[in-house]
């Protein structure tokens, strides 16, 4: 990690590519879904 993170932080092109790839993996509405689940359980 000590070697990977600084190298990645200093490589804008690689960081952009990794961010774009990750954005397809993470649901955009995960926070809303979690809030709905919590609200329903709390009832």
N, C-alpha and C. Protein backbone atom coordinates (compact mmCIF):
# COMPACT_ATOMS: atom_id res chain seq x y z
N UNK A 1 0.82 -1.19 0.00
CA UNK A 1 0.00 0.00 0.00
C UNK A 1 0.87 1.26 0.00
N UNK A 2 1.93 1.23 0.75
CA UNK A 2 2.79 2.42 0.84
C UNK A 2 3.35 2.80 -0.52
N UNK A 3 3.54 1.82 -1.37
CA UNK A 3 4.09 2.09 -2.69
C UNK A 3 3.00 2.35 -3.71
N UNK A 4 1.87 1.66 -3.58
CA UNK A 4 0.80 1.75 -4.57
C UNK A 4 0.05 3.08 -4.50
N UNK A 5 -0.33 3.49 -3.31
CA UNK A 5 -1.18 4.68 -3.18
C UNK A 5 -0.49 5.95 -3.67
N UNK A 6 0.73 6.25 -3.22
CA UNK A 6 1.36 7.47 -3.75
C UNK A 6 1.57 7.43 -5.26
N UNK A 7 1.93 6.27 -5.78
CA UNK A 7 2.13 6.15 -7.23
C UNK A 7 0.82 6.38 -7.97
N UNK A 8 -0.24 5.84 -7.45
CA UNK A 8 -1.55 6.01 -8.07
C UNK A 8 -2.01 7.46 -7.96
N UNK A 9 -1.80 8.07 -6.82
CA UNK A 9 -2.23 9.45 -6.61
C UNK A 9 -1.49 10.41 -7.55
N UNK A 10 -0.30 10.04 -7.95
CA UNK A 10 0.49 10.90 -8.84
C UNK A 10 0.32 10.56 -10.32
N UNK A 11 -0.56 9.61 -10.63
CA UNK A 11 -0.79 9.20 -12.01
C UNK A 11 -2.25 9.47 -12.37
N UNK A 12 -2.52 10.70 -12.80
CA UNK A 12 -3.90 11.14 -13.05
C UNK A 12 -4.61 10.27 -14.08
N UNK A 13 -3.91 9.85 -15.11
CA UNK A 13 -4.53 9.03 -16.16
C UNK A 13 -4.96 7.67 -15.60
N UNK A 14 -4.08 7.06 -14.85
CA UNK A 14 -4.40 5.75 -14.25
C UNK A 14 -5.52 5.88 -13.21
N UNK A 15 -5.47 6.92 -12.40
CA UNK A 15 -6.50 7.15 -11.40
C UNK A 15 -7.86 7.38 -12.05
N UNK A 16 -7.90 8.13 -13.14
CA UNK A 16 -9.14 8.36 -13.88
C UNK A 16 -9.68 7.06 -14.45
N UNK A 17 -8.79 6.25 -15.02
CA UNK A 17 -9.21 4.97 -15.60
C UNK A 17 -9.76 4.03 -14.53
N UNK A 18 -9.11 3.99 -13.39
CA UNK A 18 -9.58 3.12 -12.30
C UNK A 18 -10.92 3.62 -11.76
N UNK A 19 -11.08 4.93 -11.64
CA UNK A 19 -12.34 5.49 -11.18
C UNK A 19 -13.47 5.17 -12.13
N UNK A 20 -13.22 5.28 -13.42
CA UNK A 20 -14.24 4.97 -14.42
C UNK A 20 -14.62 3.50 -14.37
N UNK A 21 -13.64 2.63 -14.21
CA UNK A 21 -13.92 1.20 -14.14
C UNK A 21 -14.72 0.87 -12.88
N UNK A 22 -14.38 1.49 -11.78
CA UNK A 22 -15.08 1.23 -10.51
C UNK A 22 -16.50 1.77 -10.54
N UNK A 23 -16.73 2.84 -11.26
CA UNK A 23 -18.06 3.44 -11.26
C UNK A 23 -19.11 2.51 -11.87
N UNK A 24 -18.68 1.60 -12.73
CA UNK A 24 -19.60 0.63 -13.31
C UNK A 24 -19.93 -0.51 -12.35
N UNK A 25 -19.15 -0.64 -11.29
CA UNK A 25 -19.33 -1.74 -10.35
C UNK A 25 -20.18 -1.36 -9.14
N UNK A 26 -20.24 -0.08 -8.85
CA UNK A 26 -20.91 0.38 -7.63
C UNK A 26 -22.29 0.95 -7.98
N UNK A 27 -23.33 0.39 -7.36
CA UNK A 27 -24.67 0.94 -7.62
C UNK A 27 -24.75 2.40 -7.18
N UNK A 28 -25.29 3.24 -8.02
CA UNK A 28 -25.37 4.67 -7.73
C UNK A 28 -26.39 4.99 -6.63
N UNK A 29 -27.35 4.11 -6.44
CA UNK A 29 -28.40 4.38 -5.45
C UNK A 29 -28.27 3.51 -4.21
N UNK A 30 -27.08 3.01 -3.94
CA UNK A 30 -26.88 2.11 -2.80
C UNK A 30 -27.25 2.79 -1.49
N UNK A 31 -26.95 4.08 -1.35
CA UNK A 31 -27.28 4.77 -0.11
C UNK A 31 -28.79 4.88 0.09
N UNK A 32 -29.51 5.12 -0.99
CA UNK A 32 -30.98 5.20 -0.90
C UNK A 32 -31.57 3.84 -0.55
N UNK A 33 -31.06 2.79 -1.16
CA UNK A 33 -31.55 1.44 -0.86
C UNK A 33 -31.30 1.09 0.60
N UNK A 34 -30.11 1.40 1.09
CA UNK A 34 -29.79 1.11 2.48
C UNK A 34 -30.70 1.90 3.43
N UNK A 35 -30.96 3.15 3.12
CA UNK A 35 -31.85 3.96 3.95
C UNK A 35 -33.26 3.36 3.97
N UNK A 36 -33.74 2.89 2.84
CA UNK A 36 -35.08 2.27 2.79
C UNK A 36 -35.12 0.98 3.64
N UNK A 37 -34.08 0.19 3.54
CA UNK A 37 -34.02 -1.05 4.32
C UNK A 37 -34.05 -0.73 5.81
N UNK A 38 -33.25 0.23 6.23
CA UNK A 38 -33.20 0.61 7.64
C UNK A 38 -34.54 1.15 8.11
N UNK A 39 -35.17 1.98 7.29
CA UNK A 39 -36.47 2.55 7.67
C UNK A 39 -37.53 1.44 7.80
N UNK A 40 -37.50 0.47 6.92
CA UNK A 40 -38.48 -0.62 7.00
C UNK A 40 -38.24 -1.52 8.20
N UNK A 41 -36.99 -1.77 8.53
CA UNK A 41 -36.67 -2.60 9.69
C UNK A 41 -37.07 -1.89 10.98
N UNK A 42 -36.92 -0.58 11.00
CA UNK A 42 -37.22 0.20 12.19
C UNK A 42 -38.73 0.26 12.49
N UNK A 43 -39.54 0.00 11.49
CA UNK A 43 -41.00 0.09 11.69
C UNK A 43 -41.52 -1.00 12.51
